[in-house]
N, C-alpha and C. Protein backbone atom coordinates (compact mmCIF):
# COMPACT_ATOMS: atom_id res chain seq x y z
N MET A 1 41.56 6.34 -58.25
CA MET A 1 42.27 6.17 -56.99
C MET A 1 42.64 7.52 -56.39
N LYS A 2 42.90 8.51 -57.25
CA LYS A 2 43.30 9.83 -56.78
C LYS A 2 42.21 10.44 -55.90
N ALA A 3 40.94 10.28 -56.28
CA ALA A 3 39.83 10.85 -55.51
C ALA A 3 39.75 10.23 -54.12
N ILE A 4 40.07 8.95 -54.00
CA ILE A 4 40.00 8.28 -52.71
C ILE A 4 41.08 8.81 -51.76
N LEU A 5 42.21 9.24 -52.30
CA LEU A 5 43.28 9.77 -51.46
C LEU A 5 42.99 11.18 -50.97
N ASN A 6 41.99 11.82 -51.52
CA ASN A 6 41.57 13.14 -51.09
C ASN A 6 41.00 13.02 -49.66
N GLY A 7 41.59 13.75 -48.72
CA GLY A 7 41.18 13.66 -47.32
C GLY A 7 39.72 13.99 -47.09
N LYS A 8 39.19 14.98 -47.82
CA LYS A 8 37.79 15.36 -47.65
C LYS A 8 36.85 14.23 -48.06
N VAL A 9 37.22 13.54 -49.12
CA VAL A 9 36.40 12.42 -49.58
C VAL A 9 36.41 11.29 -48.54
N VAL A 10 37.59 11.00 -48.02
CA VAL A 10 37.71 9.94 -47.01
C VAL A 10 36.92 10.31 -45.75
N VAL A 11 37.06 11.55 -45.31
CA VAL A 11 36.32 12.00 -44.13
C VAL A 11 34.82 11.89 -44.38
N GLY A 12 34.37 12.24 -45.58
CA GLY A 12 32.95 12.10 -45.92
C GLY A 12 32.49 10.66 -45.84
N MET A 13 33.32 9.73 -46.33
CA MET A 13 32.96 8.31 -46.26
C MET A 13 32.92 7.84 -44.81
N LEU A 14 33.86 8.31 -43.99
CA LEU A 14 33.87 7.93 -42.57
C LEU A 14 32.66 8.50 -41.83
N ARG A 15 32.20 9.66 -42.24
CA ARG A 15 31.00 10.24 -41.61
C ARG A 15 29.78 9.36 -41.87
N ASP A 16 29.78 8.65 -42.99
CA ASP A 16 28.69 7.71 -43.26
C ASP A 16 28.65 6.58 -42.24
N PHE A 17 29.75 6.36 -41.54
CA PHE A 17 29.80 5.34 -40.49
C PHE A 17 29.32 5.87 -39.15
N GLY A 18 28.83 7.09 -39.13
CA GLY A 18 28.27 7.64 -37.90
C GLY A 18 29.23 8.51 -37.11
N LEU A 19 30.31 8.97 -37.73
CA LEU A 19 31.27 9.82 -37.04
C LEU A 19 30.98 11.29 -37.32
N SER A 20 31.31 12.15 -36.34
CA SER A 20 31.24 13.58 -36.57
C SER A 20 32.42 13.99 -37.44
N GLU A 21 32.43 15.23 -37.87
CA GLU A 21 33.53 15.75 -38.70
C GLU A 21 34.87 15.56 -37.98
N TYR A 22 34.95 16.02 -36.73
CA TYR A 22 36.20 15.91 -35.98
C TYR A 22 36.59 14.46 -35.73
N GLU A 23 35.62 13.62 -35.39
CA GLU A 23 35.92 12.20 -35.16
C GLU A 23 36.47 11.55 -36.42
N ALA A 24 35.86 11.86 -37.57
CA ALA A 24 36.31 11.28 -38.84
C ALA A 24 37.73 11.74 -39.17
N ARG A 25 38.02 13.00 -38.94
CA ARG A 25 39.37 13.51 -39.21
C ARG A 25 40.41 12.81 -38.32
N VAL A 26 40.11 12.73 -37.02
CA VAL A 26 41.06 12.12 -36.09
C VAL A 26 41.23 10.64 -36.41
N TYR A 27 40.15 9.93 -36.72
CA TYR A 27 40.26 8.51 -37.05
C TYR A 27 41.09 8.31 -38.32
N PHE A 28 40.87 9.15 -39.32
CA PHE A 28 41.63 9.05 -40.57
C PHE A 28 43.13 9.24 -40.31
N VAL A 29 43.47 10.24 -39.52
CA VAL A 29 44.87 10.48 -39.19
C VAL A 29 45.42 9.30 -38.39
N LEU A 30 44.62 8.78 -37.46
CA LEU A 30 45.06 7.64 -36.65
C LEU A 30 45.31 6.42 -37.53
N LEU A 31 44.47 6.23 -38.54
CA LEU A 31 44.69 5.13 -39.49
C LEU A 31 46.01 5.30 -40.24
N THR A 32 46.31 6.52 -40.63
CA THR A 32 47.52 6.74 -41.42
C THR A 32 48.79 6.66 -40.56
N LEU A 33 48.69 7.04 -39.28
CA LEU A 33 49.87 7.02 -38.41
C LEU A 33 50.08 5.69 -37.71
N GLY A 34 49.03 4.93 -37.56
CA GLY A 34 49.11 3.67 -36.81
C GLY A 34 48.88 3.90 -35.33
N GLU A 35 49.85 4.48 -34.66
CA GLU A 35 49.73 4.84 -33.24
C GLU A 35 50.13 6.31 -33.11
N ALA A 36 49.47 7.01 -32.18
CA ALA A 36 49.83 8.42 -32.01
C ALA A 36 49.34 8.94 -30.68
N LYS A 37 49.97 10.03 -30.27
CA LYS A 37 49.56 10.76 -29.08
C LYS A 37 48.58 11.85 -29.49
N VAL A 38 47.84 12.37 -28.52
CA VAL A 38 46.79 13.34 -28.80
C VAL A 38 47.32 14.57 -29.54
N THR A 39 48.44 15.08 -29.12
CA THR A 39 48.98 16.29 -29.75
C THR A 39 49.22 16.08 -31.23
N ALA A 40 49.84 14.98 -31.59
CA ALA A 40 50.12 14.69 -33.00
C ALA A 40 48.82 14.52 -33.79
N LEU A 41 47.85 13.86 -33.19
CA LEU A 41 46.58 13.62 -33.88
C LEU A 41 45.82 14.92 -34.15
N THR A 42 45.69 15.73 -33.10
CA THR A 42 44.91 16.97 -33.27
C THR A 42 45.60 17.92 -34.24
N LYS A 43 46.92 17.96 -34.20
CA LYS A 43 47.66 18.85 -35.10
C LYS A 43 47.46 18.44 -36.56
N ARG A 44 47.59 17.15 -36.85
CA ARG A 44 47.46 16.68 -38.23
C ARG A 44 46.01 16.63 -38.71
N ALA A 45 45.07 16.48 -37.79
CA ALA A 45 43.66 16.42 -38.16
C ALA A 45 43.01 17.81 -38.20
N TYR A 46 43.75 18.83 -37.82
CA TYR A 46 43.24 20.20 -37.78
C TYR A 46 41.99 20.31 -36.91
N VAL A 47 42.09 19.75 -35.71
CA VAL A 47 41.01 19.90 -34.73
C VAL A 47 41.62 20.56 -33.48
N PRO A 48 40.81 21.29 -32.71
CA PRO A 48 41.35 21.94 -31.52
C PRO A 48 41.94 20.91 -30.55
N GLN A 49 43.14 21.20 -30.06
CA GLN A 49 43.80 20.27 -29.14
C GLN A 49 42.98 20.07 -27.87
N SER A 50 42.25 21.11 -27.46
CA SER A 50 41.42 21.01 -26.25
C SER A 50 40.31 19.97 -26.40
N LYS A 51 39.95 19.62 -27.61
CA LYS A 51 38.90 18.63 -27.87
C LYS A 51 39.46 17.23 -28.09
N GLY A 52 40.77 17.09 -28.15
CA GLY A 52 41.41 15.83 -28.51
C GLY A 52 40.98 14.64 -27.67
N TYR A 53 41.09 14.75 -26.34
CA TYR A 53 40.75 13.61 -25.49
C TYR A 53 39.26 13.27 -25.58
N GLU A 54 38.44 14.30 -25.67
CA GLU A 54 36.99 14.09 -25.80
C GLU A 54 36.67 13.32 -27.09
N ILE A 55 37.29 13.73 -28.18
CA ILE A 55 37.07 13.06 -29.47
C ILE A 55 37.54 11.61 -29.40
N LEU A 56 38.71 11.39 -28.85
CA LEU A 56 39.24 10.03 -28.75
C LEU A 56 38.40 9.15 -27.82
N ASP A 57 37.88 9.72 -26.75
CA ASP A 57 36.97 8.95 -25.88
C ASP A 57 35.74 8.49 -26.65
N ARG A 58 35.20 9.38 -27.48
CA ARG A 58 34.02 9.00 -28.29
C ARG A 58 34.39 7.94 -29.33
N LEU A 59 35.58 8.06 -29.94
CA LEU A 59 36.02 7.05 -30.90
C LEU A 59 36.19 5.69 -30.22
N ILE A 60 36.71 5.69 -29.02
CA ILE A 60 36.84 4.43 -28.27
C ILE A 60 35.46 3.87 -27.96
N GLU A 61 34.55 4.72 -27.52
CA GLU A 61 33.18 4.29 -27.18
C GLU A 61 32.47 3.70 -28.40
N LYS A 62 32.71 4.26 -29.57
CA LYS A 62 32.09 3.80 -30.81
C LYS A 62 32.82 2.61 -31.42
N GLY A 63 33.99 2.25 -30.86
CA GLY A 63 34.72 1.09 -31.35
C GLY A 63 35.70 1.38 -32.47
N PHE A 64 36.05 2.65 -32.70
CA PHE A 64 36.95 3.02 -33.78
C PHE A 64 38.41 3.11 -33.35
N ALA A 65 38.66 3.21 -32.05
CA ALA A 65 40.03 3.37 -31.57
C ALA A 65 40.18 2.69 -30.22
N GLU A 66 41.44 2.53 -29.82
CA GLU A 66 41.72 2.00 -28.50
C GLU A 66 42.90 2.74 -27.90
N GLN A 67 42.91 2.85 -26.59
CA GLN A 67 44.02 3.47 -25.89
C GLN A 67 45.03 2.38 -25.59
N ILE A 68 46.28 2.59 -25.99
CA ILE A 68 47.27 1.53 -25.78
C ILE A 68 48.29 1.89 -24.72
N SER A 69 48.22 3.13 -24.22
CA SER A 69 49.14 3.55 -23.16
C SER A 69 48.38 4.44 -22.19
N GLY A 70 48.43 4.08 -20.92
CA GLY A 70 47.73 4.86 -19.92
C GLY A 70 48.54 6.02 -19.39
N ALA A 71 49.86 5.98 -19.60
CA ALA A 71 50.72 7.05 -19.11
C ALA A 71 50.48 8.31 -19.94
N LYS A 72 50.60 9.46 -19.29
CA LYS A 72 50.40 10.71 -20.03
C LYS A 72 51.70 11.11 -20.70
N PRO A 73 51.67 11.57 -21.92
CA PRO A 73 50.48 11.66 -22.75
C PRO A 73 50.06 10.27 -23.26
N LYS A 74 48.76 10.07 -23.31
CA LYS A 74 48.23 8.77 -23.72
C LYS A 74 48.50 8.51 -25.21
N THR A 75 48.62 7.23 -25.54
CA THR A 75 48.83 6.83 -26.93
C THR A 75 47.62 6.03 -27.40
N TYR A 76 47.24 6.24 -28.65
CA TYR A 76 46.04 5.61 -29.21
C TYR A 76 46.37 4.88 -30.50
N ARG A 77 45.52 3.91 -30.82
CA ARG A 77 45.66 3.14 -32.06
C ARG A 77 44.26 2.98 -32.66
N ALA A 78 44.19 3.02 -33.99
CA ALA A 78 42.92 2.84 -34.70
C ALA A 78 42.54 1.37 -34.76
N GLU A 79 41.27 1.07 -34.65
CA GLU A 79 40.76 -0.27 -34.93
C GLU A 79 40.81 -0.46 -36.45
N THR A 80 40.93 -1.69 -36.89
CA THR A 80 40.99 -1.94 -38.33
C THR A 80 39.66 -1.59 -38.98
N LEU A 81 39.74 -1.20 -40.23
CA LEU A 81 38.52 -0.86 -40.97
C LEU A 81 37.56 -2.04 -41.05
N ARG A 82 38.10 -3.23 -41.22
CA ARG A 82 37.26 -4.43 -41.32
C ARG A 82 36.46 -4.64 -40.03
N ARG A 83 37.12 -4.49 -38.90
CA ARG A 83 36.45 -4.67 -37.61
C ARG A 83 35.41 -3.57 -37.38
N VAL A 84 35.77 -2.35 -37.71
CA VAL A 84 34.85 -1.22 -37.56
C VAL A 84 33.62 -1.43 -38.45
N ALA A 85 33.86 -1.80 -39.72
CA ALA A 85 32.75 -2.00 -40.65
C ALA A 85 31.82 -3.11 -40.15
N SER A 86 32.39 -4.17 -39.63
CA SER A 86 31.58 -5.26 -39.10
C SER A 86 30.70 -4.79 -37.95
N LYS A 87 31.27 -4.00 -37.04
CA LYS A 87 30.49 -3.47 -35.91
C LYS A 87 29.37 -2.54 -36.38
N VAL A 88 29.70 -1.67 -37.32
CA VAL A 88 28.72 -0.71 -37.83
C VAL A 88 27.59 -1.44 -38.55
N ILE A 89 27.93 -2.42 -39.36
CA ILE A 89 26.91 -3.17 -40.10
C ILE A 89 26.00 -3.92 -39.13
N THR A 90 26.57 -4.53 -38.11
CA THR A 90 25.76 -5.24 -37.10
C THR A 90 24.83 -4.27 -36.40
N ARG A 91 25.36 -3.09 -36.02
CA ARG A 91 24.53 -2.08 -35.35
C ARG A 91 23.39 -1.62 -36.25
N GLU A 92 23.69 -1.37 -37.52
CA GLU A 92 22.66 -0.91 -38.46
C GLU A 92 21.62 -1.99 -38.74
N GLU A 93 22.04 -3.24 -38.80
CA GLU A 93 21.08 -4.34 -38.99
C GLU A 93 20.11 -4.41 -37.82
N LYS A 94 20.63 -4.24 -36.60
CA LYS A 94 19.76 -4.23 -35.42
C LYS A 94 18.79 -3.05 -35.48
N PHE A 95 19.29 -1.90 -35.92
CA PHE A 95 18.45 -0.71 -36.05
C PHE A 95 17.33 -0.94 -37.06
N ILE A 96 17.66 -1.53 -38.21
CA ILE A 96 16.66 -1.80 -39.24
C ILE A 96 15.62 -2.80 -38.73
N LYS A 97 16.07 -3.81 -38.00
CA LYS A 97 15.15 -4.79 -37.44
C LYS A 97 14.19 -4.11 -36.45
N ARG A 98 14.74 -3.20 -35.63
CA ARG A 98 13.89 -2.47 -34.67
C ARG A 98 12.89 -1.58 -35.40
N LEU A 99 13.33 -0.93 -36.50
CA LEU A 99 12.41 -0.11 -37.29
C LEU A 99 11.27 -0.95 -37.86
N ASN A 100 11.60 -2.13 -38.38
CA ASN A 100 10.57 -3.01 -38.93
C ASN A 100 9.58 -3.43 -37.84
N ASN A 101 10.09 -3.79 -36.66
CA ASN A 101 9.20 -4.17 -35.55
C ASN A 101 8.31 -3.00 -35.14
N ASN A 102 8.91 -1.81 -35.06
CA ASN A 102 8.12 -0.63 -34.71
C ASN A 102 7.06 -0.34 -35.75
N PHE A 103 7.42 -0.50 -37.03
CA PHE A 103 6.46 -0.26 -38.09
C PHE A 103 5.27 -1.20 -37.97
N GLU A 104 5.55 -2.48 -37.74
CA GLU A 104 4.47 -3.45 -37.60
C GLU A 104 3.59 -3.13 -36.40
N SER A 105 4.20 -2.74 -35.28
CA SER A 105 3.43 -2.38 -34.09
C SER A 105 2.57 -1.15 -34.34
N LEU A 106 3.15 -0.15 -34.97
CA LEU A 106 2.41 1.08 -35.27
C LEU A 106 1.27 0.82 -36.24
N GLN A 107 1.49 -0.09 -37.16
CA GLN A 107 0.43 -0.42 -38.11
C GLN A 107 -0.75 -1.06 -37.38
N ARG A 108 -0.46 -1.95 -36.41
CA ARG A 108 -1.53 -2.57 -35.63
C ARG A 108 -2.27 -1.53 -34.80
N VAL A 109 -1.53 -0.56 -34.22
CA VAL A 109 -2.16 0.50 -33.44
C VAL A 109 -3.07 1.33 -34.34
N ALA A 110 -2.58 1.70 -35.52
CA ALA A 110 -3.38 2.50 -36.45
C ALA A 110 -4.66 1.78 -36.85
N GLU A 111 -4.56 0.47 -37.08
CA GLU A 111 -5.75 -0.31 -37.43
C GLU A 111 -6.73 -0.37 -36.27
N ALA A 112 -6.20 -0.44 -35.04
CA ALA A 112 -7.07 -0.54 -33.86
C ALA A 112 -7.78 0.78 -33.57
N ILE A 113 -7.11 1.90 -33.79
CA ILE A 113 -7.73 3.18 -33.44
C ILE A 113 -8.56 3.77 -34.57
N SER A 114 -8.44 3.25 -35.76
CA SER A 114 -9.19 3.78 -36.89
C SER A 114 -10.69 3.83 -36.64
N PRO A 115 -11.32 2.76 -36.13
CA PRO A 115 -12.76 2.85 -35.85
C PRO A 115 -13.09 3.89 -34.78
N MET A 116 -12.21 4.04 -33.77
CA MET A 116 -12.46 5.03 -32.72
C MET A 116 -12.35 6.44 -33.29
N TYR A 117 -11.41 6.65 -34.19
CA TYR A 117 -11.25 7.96 -34.79
C TYR A 117 -12.49 8.31 -35.60
N GLU A 118 -12.99 7.34 -36.37
CA GLU A 118 -14.17 7.59 -37.18
C GLU A 118 -15.38 7.91 -36.32
N LYS A 119 -15.44 7.28 -35.13
CA LYS A 119 -16.59 7.49 -34.25
C LYS A 119 -16.48 8.78 -33.43
N TYR A 120 -15.29 9.03 -32.86
CA TYR A 120 -15.15 10.14 -31.91
C TYR A 120 -14.33 11.32 -32.42
N GLY A 121 -13.56 11.15 -33.43
CA GLY A 121 -12.70 12.23 -33.91
C GLY A 121 -11.37 12.23 -33.18
N ALA A 122 -10.45 13.04 -33.66
CA ALA A 122 -9.08 13.04 -33.13
C ALA A 122 -8.99 13.53 -31.70
N PHE A 123 -9.85 14.49 -31.30
CA PHE A 123 -9.74 15.03 -29.95
C PHE A 123 -9.97 13.96 -28.89
N ARG A 124 -10.71 12.96 -29.21
CA ARG A 124 -11.05 11.91 -28.25
C ARG A 124 -9.90 10.90 -28.06
N LEU A 125 -9.09 10.70 -29.07
CA LEU A 125 -8.06 9.67 -29.02
C LEU A 125 -6.96 9.97 -28.03
N PHE A 126 -6.58 11.23 -27.89
CA PHE A 126 -5.43 11.56 -27.07
C PHE A 126 -5.77 12.40 -25.85
N SER A 127 -7.01 12.48 -25.51
CA SER A 127 -7.41 13.23 -24.32
C SER A 127 -7.97 12.25 -23.29
N PRO A 128 -8.00 12.65 -22.01
CA PRO A 128 -8.59 11.76 -21.01
C PRO A 128 -10.07 11.54 -21.32
N ILE A 129 -10.61 10.54 -20.70
CA ILE A 129 -12.02 10.22 -20.94
C ILE A 129 -12.88 11.44 -20.59
N LEU A 130 -13.70 11.83 -21.52
CA LEU A 130 -14.54 13.01 -21.34
C LEU A 130 -15.95 12.59 -20.93
N SER A 131 -16.57 13.45 -20.18
CA SER A 131 -17.97 13.18 -19.83
C SER A 131 -18.81 13.35 -21.08
N ARG A 132 -20.02 12.82 -21.05
CA ARG A 132 -20.91 12.97 -22.20
C ARG A 132 -21.18 14.44 -22.49
N ARG A 133 -21.30 15.24 -21.45
CA ARG A 133 -21.55 16.68 -21.63
C ARG A 133 -20.37 17.34 -22.34
N GLN A 134 -19.14 17.02 -21.92
CA GLN A 134 -17.97 17.61 -22.56
C GLN A 134 -17.89 17.19 -24.03
N MET A 135 -18.21 15.93 -24.30
CA MET A 135 -18.18 15.46 -25.69
C MET A 135 -19.23 16.19 -26.51
N TRP A 136 -20.40 16.42 -25.96
CA TRP A 136 -21.47 17.10 -26.67
C TRP A 136 -21.06 18.55 -26.97
N ILE A 137 -20.46 19.21 -25.96
CA ILE A 137 -20.02 20.59 -26.16
C ILE A 137 -18.97 20.67 -27.26
N ARG A 138 -18.00 19.77 -27.21
CA ARG A 138 -16.96 19.79 -28.25
C ARG A 138 -17.55 19.49 -29.63
N ALA A 139 -18.43 18.52 -29.71
CA ALA A 139 -19.06 18.19 -30.99
C ALA A 139 -19.87 19.37 -31.51
N SER A 140 -20.54 20.08 -30.61
CA SER A 140 -21.32 21.25 -31.01
C SER A 140 -20.42 22.34 -31.55
N LEU A 141 -19.30 22.56 -30.86
CA LEU A 141 -18.36 23.60 -31.29
C LEU A 141 -17.76 23.27 -32.64
N GLN A 142 -17.52 21.99 -32.87
CA GLN A 142 -16.94 21.59 -34.15
C GLN A 142 -17.94 21.75 -35.29
N SER A 143 -19.21 21.53 -35.02
CA SER A 143 -20.20 21.59 -36.09
C SER A 143 -20.79 22.99 -36.21
N ALA A 144 -20.50 23.94 -35.30
CA ALA A 144 -21.07 25.28 -35.33
C ALA A 144 -20.80 26.00 -36.64
N PRO A 145 -19.59 26.00 -37.17
CA PRO A 145 -19.39 26.70 -38.46
C PRO A 145 -20.23 26.09 -39.58
N LEU A 146 -20.41 24.79 -39.56
CA LEU A 146 -21.21 24.14 -40.58
C LEU A 146 -22.66 24.59 -40.47
N VAL A 147 -23.20 24.67 -39.25
CA VAL A 147 -24.58 25.11 -39.03
C VAL A 147 -24.73 26.54 -39.49
N GLN A 148 -23.77 27.40 -39.17
CA GLN A 148 -23.85 28.80 -39.58
C GLN A 148 -23.84 28.91 -41.10
N GLU A 149 -23.06 28.09 -41.78
CA GLU A 149 -23.04 28.11 -43.24
C GLU A 149 -24.38 27.69 -43.82
N LEU A 150 -25.00 26.67 -43.21
CA LEU A 150 -26.29 26.19 -43.70
C LEU A 150 -27.40 27.22 -43.48
N GLU A 151 -27.33 27.99 -42.39
CA GLU A 151 -28.35 28.99 -42.10
C GLU A 151 -28.27 30.16 -43.07
N GLN A 152 -27.11 30.43 -43.60
CA GLN A 152 -26.95 31.59 -44.49
C GLN A 152 -27.35 31.24 -45.85
């Protein structure tokens, strides 16, 4: 339990949720204080006060905090860990699903272009359609070192 109370360890775990170093520090302090103003948060989190509002705006955007007072100085409150974890897990599940879909699409593309690669080579796949003369010149240039080796 002692290791978990270490602030660096907690900040490291919060960074796994997609937070920057400063965001993790401010969120951790916000969790411990419950509600706080920017000055108190930045002072206890050891982050520059000039970055305070920017950091809190990003935490709100990511769903880690909420602004509870619009009057200056503004007051903020942390979202519960359970709610944050649920949002992060949902976001990551969507990301993994998108990766799987992209993988399947890329696999189909690779299978489709494989015969073209074998026939024309890599230069043909990503260049505009070449005239027969241009293709012949490129093929000749590619095989020139081989011809020179055979002649020697």
